[in-house]
N, C-alpha and C. Protein backbone atom coordinates (compact mmCIF):
# COMPACT_ATOMS: atom_id res chain seq x y z
N ALA A 1 -30.84 -24.10 -31.12
CA ALA A 1 -29.49 -24.21 -31.06
C ALA A 1 -29.10 -24.93 -29.73
N ALA A 2 -27.70 -25.86 -30.21
CA ALA A 2 -26.96 -26.29 -29.11
C ALA A 2 -26.65 -25.40 -27.51
N SER A 3 -27.02 -26.05 -26.74
CA SER A 3 -26.51 -25.48 -25.62
C SER A 3 -25.17 -25.68 -25.30
N GLY A 4 -24.15 -26.13 -25.40
CA GLY A 4 -22.85 -26.29 -25.34
C GLY A 4 -22.27 -27.12 -24.49
N ALA A 5 -23.17 -27.24 -23.38
CA ALA A 5 -23.22 -28.42 -21.99
C ALA A 5 -22.50 -29.76 -22.68
N GLU A 6 -21.32 -29.73 -21.74
CA GLU A 6 -20.13 -30.96 -21.92
C GLU A 6 -21.09 -32.47 -21.67
N ASP A 7 -21.80 -32.31 -20.13
CA ASP A 7 -22.24 -32.97 -19.36
C ASP A 7 -23.23 -33.64 -20.02
N ALA A 8 -23.59 -34.56 -20.43
CA ALA A 8 -24.73 -35.75 -21.31
C ALA A 8 -26.04 -35.49 -21.10
N GLU A 9 -26.14 -35.58 -19.69
CA GLU A 9 -27.25 -35.77 -18.81
C GLU A 9 -27.67 -33.96 -18.82
N ALA A 10 -27.22 -33.04 -18.76
CA ALA A 10 -27.76 -31.41 -19.06
C ALA A 10 -28.16 -31.32 -20.20
N PRO A 11 -29.38 -30.15 -20.26
CA PRO A 11 -29.95 -29.90 -21.39
C PRO A 11 -28.69 -29.46 -22.50
N GLN A 12 -29.41 -29.90 -23.93
CA GLN A 12 -28.53 -29.78 -24.84
C GLN A 12 -28.79 -29.19 -25.90
N GLN A 13 -30.24 -28.59 -25.67
CA GLN A 13 -30.44 -27.57 -26.20
C GLN A 13 -30.92 -26.10 -25.83
N ALA A 14 -30.68 -25.15 -26.51
CA ALA A 14 -30.27 -23.67 -25.65
C ALA A 14 -31.81 -22.86 -25.75
N PRO A 15 -32.57 -22.16 -24.73
CA PRO A 15 -33.34 -21.92 -25.31
C PRO A 15 -33.49 -20.39 -26.04
N TYR A 16 -34.47 -20.08 -26.93
CA TYR A 16 -34.16 -18.51 -27.08
C TYR A 16 -34.84 -17.38 -26.43
N TYR A 17 -33.49 -16.65 -26.63
CA TYR A 17 -33.87 -15.72 -25.66
C TYR A 17 -34.18 -14.50 -26.35
N TRP A 18 -35.17 -13.55 -25.41
CA TRP A 18 -35.67 -12.51 -26.15
C TRP A 18 -35.67 -11.22 -25.28
N GLY A 19 -34.05 -10.72 -24.80
CA GLY A 19 -34.09 -9.69 -23.90
C GLY A 19 -34.43 -8.24 -24.16
N ILE A 20 -35.96 -7.87 -24.62
CA ILE A 20 -36.49 -6.67 -25.20
C ILE A 20 -36.28 -5.44 -23.90
N LYS A 21 -35.16 -5.94 -22.47
CA LYS A 21 -35.12 -4.98 -21.81
C LYS A 21 -33.84 -4.26 -22.20
N ASP A 22 -33.36 -4.71 -22.84
CA ASP A 22 -32.28 -4.33 -23.45
C ASP A 22 -32.18 -3.34 -24.52
N VAL A 23 -33.54 -2.69 -25.42
CA VAL A 23 -33.29 -1.93 -26.08
C VAL A 23 -33.13 -0.35 -25.55
N GLN A 24 -33.75 -0.01 -24.14
CA GLN A 24 -33.71 1.14 -23.30
C GLN A 24 -32.21 1.60 -22.91
N PHE A 25 -31.39 0.45 -23.28
CA PHE A 25 -30.03 1.10 -22.93
C PHE A 25 -29.10 1.32 -24.46
N ASP A 26 -28.00 2.40 -24.27
CA ASP A 26 -27.57 3.04 -25.23
C ASP A 26 -26.73 1.86 -26.12
N ASP A 27 -26.16 0.69 -25.66
CA ASP A 27 -25.25 -0.49 -26.33
C ASP A 27 -26.81 -1.87 -26.35
N GLY A 28 -27.82 -1.46 -26.10
CA GLY A 28 -28.66 -2.43 -26.29
C GLY A 28 -28.61 -2.68 -27.71
N PRO A 29 -29.25 -4.24 -28.35
CA PRO A 29 -28.87 -4.70 -29.54
C PRO A 29 -30.09 -4.43 -30.64
N ARG A 30 -30.49 -3.24 -30.65
CA ARG A 30 -31.43 -2.66 -31.18
C ARG A 30 -31.61 -3.17 -32.83
N GLU A 31 -29.96 -2.97 -33.12
CA GLU A 31 -30.24 -2.80 -34.68
C GLU A 31 -29.63 -4.73 -35.30
N GLN A 32 -29.49 -5.11 -34.20
CA GLN A 32 -28.70 -6.25 -34.61
C GLN A 32 -29.80 -7.49 -34.79
N TYR A 33 -30.84 -6.96 -33.56
CA TYR A 33 -31.81 -7.68 -33.40
C TYR A 33 -33.57 -7.34 -34.06
N ASN A 34 -33.29 -6.28 -34.64
CA ASN A 34 -34.29 -5.36 -35.02
C ASN A 34 -35.65 -5.21 -34.07
N TRP A 35 -35.26 -4.57 -33.07
CA TRP A 35 -35.57 -4.94 -31.56
C TRP A 35 -35.85 -3.13 -31.64
N SER A 36 -37.04 -2.52 -31.12
CA SER A 36 -37.39 -1.65 -31.44
C SER A 36 -37.84 -1.11 -29.42
N THR A 37 -37.71 0.21 -29.50
CA THR A 37 -38.26 0.98 -28.24
C THR A 37 -40.02 1.07 -27.86
N ALA A 38 -40.95 0.63 -29.51
CA ALA A 38 -42.28 0.39 -29.68
C ALA A 38 -42.50 -1.18 -28.80
N MET A 39 -41.59 -2.06 -29.67
CA MET A 39 -41.86 -3.45 -28.69
C MET A 39 -41.79 -3.33 -27.81
N LEU A 40 -40.63 -2.80 -26.70
CA LEU A 40 -40.53 -2.76 -25.46
C LEU A 40 -42.03 -1.92 -24.78
N ASP A 41 -42.56 -1.06 -25.45
CA ASP A 41 -43.78 -0.19 -24.81
C ASP A 41 -44.46 -0.84 -25.13
N LYS A 42 -45.01 -1.73 -26.25
CA LYS A 42 -46.26 -2.79 -26.12
C LYS A 42 -46.14 -4.25 -25.16
N VAL A 43 -44.98 -4.44 -24.84
CA VAL A 43 -44.67 -5.24 -23.75
C VAL A 43 -45.20 -4.68 -22.23
N HIS A 44 -44.55 -3.83 -22.26
CA HIS A 44 -45.37 -2.82 -20.63
C HIS A 44 -46.54 -2.60 -20.99
N SER A 45 -47.71 -2.33 -22.09
CA SER A 45 -48.73 -2.27 -21.91
C SER A 45 -49.61 -3.30 -21.86
N LEU A 46 -48.95 -4.14 -21.65
CA LEU A 46 -49.49 -5.84 -21.87
C LEU A 46 -48.81 -6.64 -20.33
N THR A 47 -48.55 -6.11 -19.99
CA THR A 47 -47.75 -7.09 -18.93
C THR A 47 -48.92 -6.14 -17.51
N LYS A 48 -48.87 -7.28 -16.74
CA LYS A 48 -49.62 -7.18 -15.71
C LYS A 48 -49.15 -7.32 -14.22
N LEU A 49 -48.80 -6.76 -13.34
CA LEU A 49 -47.95 -7.41 -11.90
C LEU A 49 -48.81 -8.09 -11.42
N PRO A 50 -48.77 -9.35 -10.92
CA PRO A 50 -49.30 -10.54 -10.64
C PRO A 50 -49.88 -10.31 -9.46
N SER A 51 -50.87 -10.41 -9.00
CA SER A 51 -52.03 -10.35 -7.31
C SER A 51 -50.77 -10.58 -6.40
N PHE A 52 -49.98 -11.62 -6.60
CA PHE A 52 -49.64 -11.40 -5.18
C PHE A 52 -47.85 -11.14 -4.73
N MET A 53 -47.82 -10.49 -5.80
CA MET A 53 -46.66 -9.14 -5.35
C MET A 53 -46.79 -7.75 -5.43
N HIS A 54 -46.16 -8.08 -4.24
CA HIS A 54 -46.13 -6.32 -3.63
C HIS A 54 -46.10 -5.14 -4.52
N THR A 55 -46.68 -4.17 -4.65
CA THR A 55 -47.02 -2.76 -5.35
C THR A 55 -45.50 -2.65 -5.85
N ASP A 56 -44.38 -2.47 -5.17
CA ASP A 56 -43.19 -2.02 -4.60
C ASP A 56 -42.30 -2.96 -6.09
N CYS A 57 -43.38 -3.93 -6.75
CA CYS A 57 -42.12 -4.88 -7.66
C CYS A 57 -42.41 -4.47 -8.83
N ARG A 58 -43.44 -3.49 -8.95
CA ARG A 58 -43.72 -3.00 -10.58
C ARG A 58 -42.60 -2.33 -10.78
N GLY A 59 -41.63 -1.63 -10.39
CA GLY A 59 -40.74 -0.80 -11.89
C GLY A 59 -39.95 -1.57 -12.17
N ASP A 60 -38.99 -3.07 -11.26
CA ASP A 60 -38.66 -3.72 -11.25
C ASP A 60 -39.17 -4.69 -12.49
N GLN A 61 -40.20 -4.97 -12.50
CA GLN A 61 -41.16 -5.44 -13.69
C GLN A 61 -40.95 -4.86 -15.13
N GLN A 62 -41.19 -3.55 -14.98
CA GLN A 62 -41.78 -3.05 -15.74
C GLN A 62 -40.54 -2.65 -16.78
N ARG A 63 -38.81 -2.35 -15.96
CA ARG A 63 -37.95 -1.99 -16.45
C ARG A 63 -36.86 -3.14 -16.71
N THR A 64 -37.19 -3.95 -16.53
CA THR A 64 -36.47 -5.25 -17.05
C THR A 64 -37.07 -6.72 -17.43
N PRO A 65 -37.70 -6.40 -18.55
CA PRO A 65 -38.51 -7.44 -19.24
C PRO A 65 -37.81 -8.73 -20.04
N GLU A 66 -37.75 -9.58 -19.88
CA GLU A 66 -37.14 -10.43 -20.47
C GLU A 66 -37.67 -12.34 -21.00
N PHE A 67 -38.33 -12.53 -21.81
CA PHE A 67 -38.42 -14.03 -22.15
C PHE A 67 -37.52 -14.82 -22.86
N TRP A 68 -38.02 -15.82 -22.14
CA TRP A 68 -37.21 -17.21 -22.55
C TRP A 68 -37.85 -18.42 -23.31
N PHE A 69 -37.95 -18.75 -24.58
CA PHE A 69 -38.83 -19.56 -25.07
C PHE A 69 -37.94 -20.85 -25.13
N THR A 70 -38.53 -22.38 -24.93
CA THR A 70 -37.64 -23.53 -24.81
C THR A 70 -38.96 -24.16 -25.26
N THR A 71 -38.19 -25.56 -25.51
CA THR A 71 -38.36 -26.59 -25.85
C THR A 71 -38.39 -27.93 -24.89
N PRO A 72 -39.22 -28.99 -24.72
CA PRO A 72 -39.13 -29.48 -23.58
C PRO A 72 -37.92 -30.09 -23.74
N GLY A 73 -36.77 -29.94 -22.56
CA GLY A 73 -35.52 -30.68 -22.40
C GLY A 73 -35.33 -29.34 -22.62
N ALA A 74 -34.84 -28.29 -22.92
CA ALA A 74 -33.76 -27.04 -23.11
C ALA A 74 -33.95 -26.98 -22.09
N GLY A 75 -32.86 -26.12 -21.78
CA GLY A 75 -32.14 -24.92 -20.46
C GLY A 75 -31.17 -24.20 -20.92
N ALA A 76 -31.36 -23.31 -19.85
CA ALA A 76 -30.40 -22.14 -19.73
C ALA A 76 -29.19 -22.52 -18.83
N LYS A 77 -27.80 -22.34 -18.97
CA LYS A 77 -26.87 -22.93 -18.32
C LYS A 77 -26.94 -21.49 -16.89
N ALA A 78 -26.58 -21.74 -15.69
CA ALA A 78 -26.72 -20.93 -14.78
C ALA A 78 -26.06 -19.81 -14.37
N HIS A 79 -26.19 -18.47 -14.51
CA HIS A 79 -26.38 -17.30 -14.73
C HIS A 79 -26.70 -16.05 -13.41
N VAL A 80 -25.80 -15.11 -13.67
CA VAL A 80 -26.36 -14.30 -12.55
C VAL A 80 -26.74 -13.03 -13.60
N ASP A 81 -27.49 -12.38 -13.54
CA ASP A 81 -27.83 -10.81 -14.42
C ASP A 81 -27.35 -9.71 -13.42
């Protein structure tokens, strides 16, 4: 998908975003994207906390998983979640 960037030197392709974290919220995109809480549970079961991270970070890691898939030269606009 096009990134919408007006600057010719900026990435012109947008990444695919899988915000599976959003299925846990009432206004999440469950039906729009056919995502399910079973998918979120699978992500939880397969995600391990890296050894360099403090164990206090595990809660945030489990609550907010999201994935960005890109091709070379693609990028996302700067944003704050």
